[in-house]
Amino acid sequence: MATLFSVPDGERGLPERPVVESWGAAGHPGRIRLRAFLDALVGLVGPTVNGREGDLALALTVGLDDKVPLTRGGHDLDNYLFPVVRALGPERFAAVFARKHHAPSSTIAIGPAVPVDSAADWQGEPQLSVRTEVSASSTAWKAAVHEACRAAGPALPPGVAVELHLRFEVSAQRNWSTLWKPAIDALGPLLGIPDPERPYRPHDDRIVRLALYRALDESLGHDIVIAAWWRAV
């Protein structure tokens, strides 16, 4: 079985809270703010990434104001992680972690990707495992993950915070970071779906701890194997 990885040590304070991915047009305030944050981040940790050999792990801790709810209202962890890893090079990372909590500051840690036993702690066999054979950009891909999630069991109780671990087994040619959002968007049967007419818009903002792992397997070709573990926290 492909391994998981441990959270890296050596947290460093960030000068400001991370900024979520922006899909606005060029010149949109969200994109300008994101660009400024990423430029500062690359200046801060870029030498660490470039100065290390081998696969890396990254951990991002997002500090939110006490008045900001942790389980609703946005602040999706994958939307914080994606632009950070895109800026630093997704091919460098075998594992990325994020959590959000009420705190005045945010941190980042980058270190070697250290494998751990996938049965360690509360994780044993994955609660969900699915192999997809269609384009990951298609609705059919999301549907395959969605149905596997439905078969895995009932949704977690509404309003409960969630810890989610996802492992993506892929070939080295694939940019695995582009799989994070569509995979999480397909987990409505677990996370809950506020609007049945929009099955791929789940309550993913209730995820307060997120771990994403890459396992390389050249025999897969264009196929992808996703394994998932979760629990209420």
Protein backbone atom coordinates (compact mmCIF):
# COMPACT_ATOMS: atom_id res chain seq x y z
CA MET A 1 0.00 0.00 0.00
CA ALA A 2 1.23 3.49 -0.80
CA THR A 3 2.42 5.41 2.22
CA LEU A 4 1.20 8.56 3.86
CA PHE A 5 3.50 11.29 5.19
CA SER A 6 4.05 13.14 8.44
CA VAL A 7 3.50 16.85 9.05
CA PRO A 8 6.80 18.76 8.69
CA ASP A 9 8.39 20.55 11.64
CA GLY A 10 9.76 24.08 11.84
CA GLU A 11 6.81 26.47 11.63
CA ARG A 12 7.58 30.00 10.47
CA GLY A 13 5.29 32.96 11.04
CA LEU A 14 3.70 34.58 8.00
CA PRO A 15 3.50 38.37 7.79
CA GLU A 16 -0.21 38.16 6.95
CA ARG A 17 -3.00 35.63 6.73
CA PRO A 18 -2.92 33.47 3.59
CA VAL A 19 -5.17 34.48 0.72
CA VAL A 20 -7.59 32.09 -0.98
CA GLU A 21 -7.44 31.33 -4.69
CA SER A 22 -9.02 34.04 -6.85
CA TRP A 23 -10.98 33.34 -10.03
CA GLY A 24 -11.62 37.00 -10.77
CA ALA A 25 -10.51 38.76 -13.93
CA ALA A 26 -7.12 40.41 -14.19
CA GLY A 27 -7.12 43.53 -12.04
CA HIS A 28 -9.70 42.15 -9.61
CA PRO A 29 -8.80 43.16 -6.03
CA GLY A 30 -8.76 39.51 -4.96
CA ARG A 31 -6.18 38.62 -7.61
CA ILE A 32 -4.04 41.64 -6.78
CA ARG A 33 -4.04 40.74 -3.09
CA LEU A 34 -3.26 37.10 -3.87
CA ARG A 35 -0.36 38.07 -6.14
CA ALA A 36 1.14 40.31 -3.46
CA PHE A 37 0.82 37.55 -0.86
CA LEU A 38 2.41 34.93 -3.13
CA ASP A 39 5.29 37.22 -4.06
CA ALA A 40 6.03 37.75 -0.37
CA LEU A 41 5.67 34.04 0.36
CA VAL A 42 8.06 32.98 -2.40
CA GLY A 43 10.58 35.47 -1.09
CA LEU A 44 10.21 33.99 2.39
CA VAL A 45 10.26 30.23 1.70
CA GLY A 46 11.41 29.94 -1.92
CA PRO A 47 15.07 29.45 -0.90
CA THR A 48 14.02 26.60 1.40
CA VAL A 49 12.20 24.83 -1.43
CA ASN A 50 14.96 25.40 -3.97
CA GLY A 51 17.69 24.43 -1.52
CA ARG A 52 16.33 20.96 -0.75
CA GLU A 53 16.48 17.80 -2.80
CA GLY A 54 13.81 15.13 -2.91
CA ASP A 55 10.10 15.28 -2.20
CA LEU A 56 8.89 17.89 0.26
CA ALA A 57 5.97 18.31 2.65
CA LEU A 58 4.27 21.61 3.44
CA ALA A 59 1.98 22.58 6.32
CA LEU A 60 -0.07 25.77 6.33
CA THR A 61 -1.85 26.99 9.46
CA VAL A 62 -4.46 29.69 8.86
CA GLY A 63 -5.26 31.93 11.80
CA LEU A 64 -8.73 33.47 11.71
CA ASP A 65 -10.37 36.14 13.86
CA ASP A 66 -12.43 34.82 16.76
CA LYS A 67 -15.63 36.14 15.19
CA VAL A 68 -15.09 34.13 11.98
CA PRO A 69 -16.86 30.71 12.00
CA LEU A 70 -14.56 27.78 11.31
CA THR A 71 -17.17 25.49 9.76
CA ARG A 72 -19.15 27.80 7.48
CA GLY A 73 -18.81 30.96 5.44
CA GLY A 74 -15.96 29.90 3.18
CA HIS A 75 -12.27 29.76 4.13
CA ASP A 76 -11.93 26.39 2.34
CA LEU A 77 -8.53 24.95 3.14
CA ASP A 78 -7.85 23.64 -0.37
CA ASN A 79 -8.39 27.17 -1.69
CA TYR A 80 -5.64 28.41 0.64
CA LEU A 81 -3.27 25.58 -0.27
CA PHE A 82 -3.66 25.54 -4.04
CA PRO A 83 -2.16 28.95 -4.92
CA VAL A 84 0.69 28.43 -2.42
CA VAL A 85 1.71 25.11 -3.95
CA ARG A 86 1.20 26.42 -7.48
CA ALA A 87 3.64 29.24 -6.75
CA LEU A 88 6.25 26.93 -5.20
CA GLY A 89 5.91 24.05 -7.70
CA PRO A 90 3.43 21.20 -7.11
CA GLU A 91 5.91 18.64 -8.45
CA ARG A 92 8.14 19.31 -5.42
CA PHE A 93 5.55 18.21 -2.87
CA ALA A 94 4.46 14.70 -1.92
CA ALA A 95 2.27 15.93 0.94
CA VAL A 96 0.56 19.15 1.94
CA PHE A 97 -1.38 19.90 5.09
CA ALA A 98 -3.61 22.74 6.22
CA ARG A 99 -5.63 23.61 9.27
CA LYS A 100 -7.59 26.64 10.38
CA HIS A 101 -8.19 27.87 13.89
CA HIS A 102 -8.82 31.04 15.83
CA ALA A 103 -5.47 32.73 16.23
CA PRO A 104 -3.91 36.15 15.56
CA SER A 105 -1.29 34.83 13.13
CA SER A 106 -0.65 32.17 10.48
CA THR A 107 2.34 29.90 9.90
CA ILE A 108 3.99 27.72 7.27
CA ALA A 109 6.41 24.80 7.56
CA ILE A 110 8.34 23.06 4.79
CA GLY A 111 10.53 19.99 5.19
CA PRO A 112 11.34 16.59 3.74
CA ALA A 113 8.40 14.30 3.00
CA VAL A 114 8.81 11.62 5.67
CA PRO A 115 6.70 8.47 5.11
CA VAL A 116 4.57 7.07 7.93
CA ASP A 117 2.62 3.85 8.28
CA SER A 118 -0.83 4.42 6.77
CA ALA A 119 -2.32 2.46 9.68
CA ALA A 120 -0.80 4.82 12.24
CA ASP A 121 -2.95 6.74 14.71
CA TRP A 122 -6.66 6.62 13.72
CA GLN A 123 -6.04 5.77 10.08
CA GLY A 124 -6.31 2.18 8.91
CA GLU A 125 -7.81 0.99 5.67
CA PRO A 126 -9.27 3.92 3.72
CA GLN A 127 -12.96 4.60 4.18
CA LEU A 128 -13.16 5.38 0.46
CA SER A 129 -11.14 4.01 -2.43
CA VAL A 130 -11.91 4.56 -6.10
CA ARG A 131 -10.03 4.25 -9.37
CA THR A 132 -11.10 6.64 -12.11
CA GLU A 133 -10.52 6.00 -15.79
CA VAL A 134 -12.05 9.12 -17.36
CA SER A 135 -10.72 12.64 -17.77
CA ALA A 136 -10.28 14.36 -14.41
CA SER A 137 -11.69 17.55 -15.90
CA SER A 138 -15.00 15.89 -16.76
CA THR A 139 -18.25 15.72 -14.82
CA ALA A 140 -18.04 11.93 -15.15
CA TRP A 141 -14.87 11.98 -13.03
CA LYS A 142 -16.60 13.87 -10.23
CA ALA A 143 -19.58 11.55 -10.54
CA ALA A 144 -17.36 8.48 -10.05
CA VAL A 145 -15.86 9.93 -6.86
CA HIS A 146 -19.30 11.09 -5.71
CA GLU A 147 -20.80 7.61 -6.09
CA ALA A 148 -17.86 5.98 -4.31
CA CYS A 149 -18.37 8.45 -1.47
CA ARG A 150 -22.07 7.65 -1.31
CA ALA A 151 -21.29 3.94 -1.10
CA ALA A 152 -18.76 4.55 1.67
CA GLY A 153 -21.37 5.49 4.23
CA PRO A 154 -23.67 8.20 5.59
CA ALA A 155 -22.87 11.87 5.86
CA LEU A 156 -21.26 13.22 8.99
CA PRO A 157 -23.66 15.05 11.35
CA PRO A 158 -24.45 18.59 10.16
CA GLY A 159 -22.30 21.35 11.57
CA VAL A 160 -19.56 19.06 12.86
CA ALA A 161 -15.98 20.01 12.02
CA VAL A 162 -14.15 17.50 9.82
CA GLU A 163 -10.61 16.22 9.43
CA LEU A 164 -10.03 14.84 5.92
CA HIS A 165 -7.08 12.97 4.43
CA LEU A 166 -6.92 12.28 0.67
CA ARG A 167 -4.28 10.27 -1.15
CA PHE A 168 -3.91 10.56 -4.92
CA GLU A 169 -2.08 7.76 -6.72
CA VAL A 170 -0.99 9.19 -10.07
CA SER A 171 1.73 9.05 -12.68
CA ALA A 172 4.56 11.57 -12.46
CA GLN A 173 3.30 13.43 -15.54
CA ARG A 174 0.16 14.62 -13.80
CA ASN A 175 -0.14 17.90 -11.91
CA TRP A 176 -1.77 16.38 -8.86
CA SER A 177 -2.68 19.72 -7.29
CA THR A 178 -5.38 20.25 -9.94
CA LEU A 179 -7.20 17.19 -8.54
CA TRP A 180 -7.69 18.55 -5.04
CA LYS A 181 -10.68 20.80 -5.60
CA PRO A 182 -12.73 18.53 -7.91
CA ALA A 183 -12.14 15.58 -5.58
CA ILE A 184 -13.32 17.50 -2.51
CA ASP A 185 -16.24 18.96 -4.48
CA ALA A 186 -17.36 15.37 -5.14
CA LEU A 187 -17.57 14.47 -1.43
CA GLY A 188 -21.08 15.81 -0.90
CA PRO A 189 -22.44 12.49 0.41
CA LEU A 190 -19.95 12.83 3.28
CA LEU A 191 -19.90 16.59 3.87
CA GLY A 192 -23.52 17.39 3.10
CA ILE A 193 -25.04 19.18 0.12
CA PRO A 194 -26.92 22.41 0.86
CA ASP A 195 -28.58 22.52 -2.59
CA PRO A 196 -29.54 19.17 -4.21
CA GLU A 197 -29.55 20.90 -7.59
CA ARG A 198 -25.83 21.58 -7.17
CA PRO A 199 -24.39 18.25 -6.00
CA TYR A 200 -20.77 19.36 -6.45
CA ARG A 201 -20.98 22.28 -4.04
CA PRO A 202 -20.79 20.52 -0.67
CA HIS A 203 -20.23 21.91 2.81
CA ASP A 204 -16.47 21.65 2.35
CA ASP A 205 -15.85 24.73 4.48
CA ARG A 206 -16.49 22.49 7.51
CA ILE A 207 -13.10 20.84 6.88
CA VAL A 208 -10.82 22.31 9.55
CA ARG A 209 -7.89 19.91 9.03
CA LEU A 210 -6.86 18.73 5.58
CA ALA A 211 -4.06 16.41 4.44
CA LEU A 212 -3.31 15.70 0.78
CA TYR A 213 -0.81 13.03 -0.29
CA ARG A 214 0.73 12.08 -3.63
CA ALA A 215 1.81 8.52 -4.43
CA LEU A 216 3.54 7.97 -7.77
CA ASP A 217 2.67 4.89 -9.81
CA GLU A 218 3.67 4.95 -13.47
CA SER A 219 1.61 1.83 -14.21
CA LEU A 220 -1.58 3.89 -13.79
CA GLY A 221 -1.07 5.87 -16.97
CA HIS A 222 -3.95 8.37 -17.09
CA ASP A 223 -5.91 6.62 -14.34
CA ILE A 224 -6.13 8.00 -10.80
CA VAL A 225 -6.66 6.13 -7.55
CA ILE A 226 -8.12 8.13 -4.68
CA ALA A 227 -8.20 6.94 -1.08
CA ALA A 228 -9.82 8.91 1.73
CA TRP A 229 -9.96 8.90 5.51
CA TRP A 230 -12.05 11.20 7.66
CA ARG A 231 -13.38 11.81 11.13
CA ALA A 232 -15.34 14.39 13.05
CA VAL A 233 -13.21 16.65 15.26
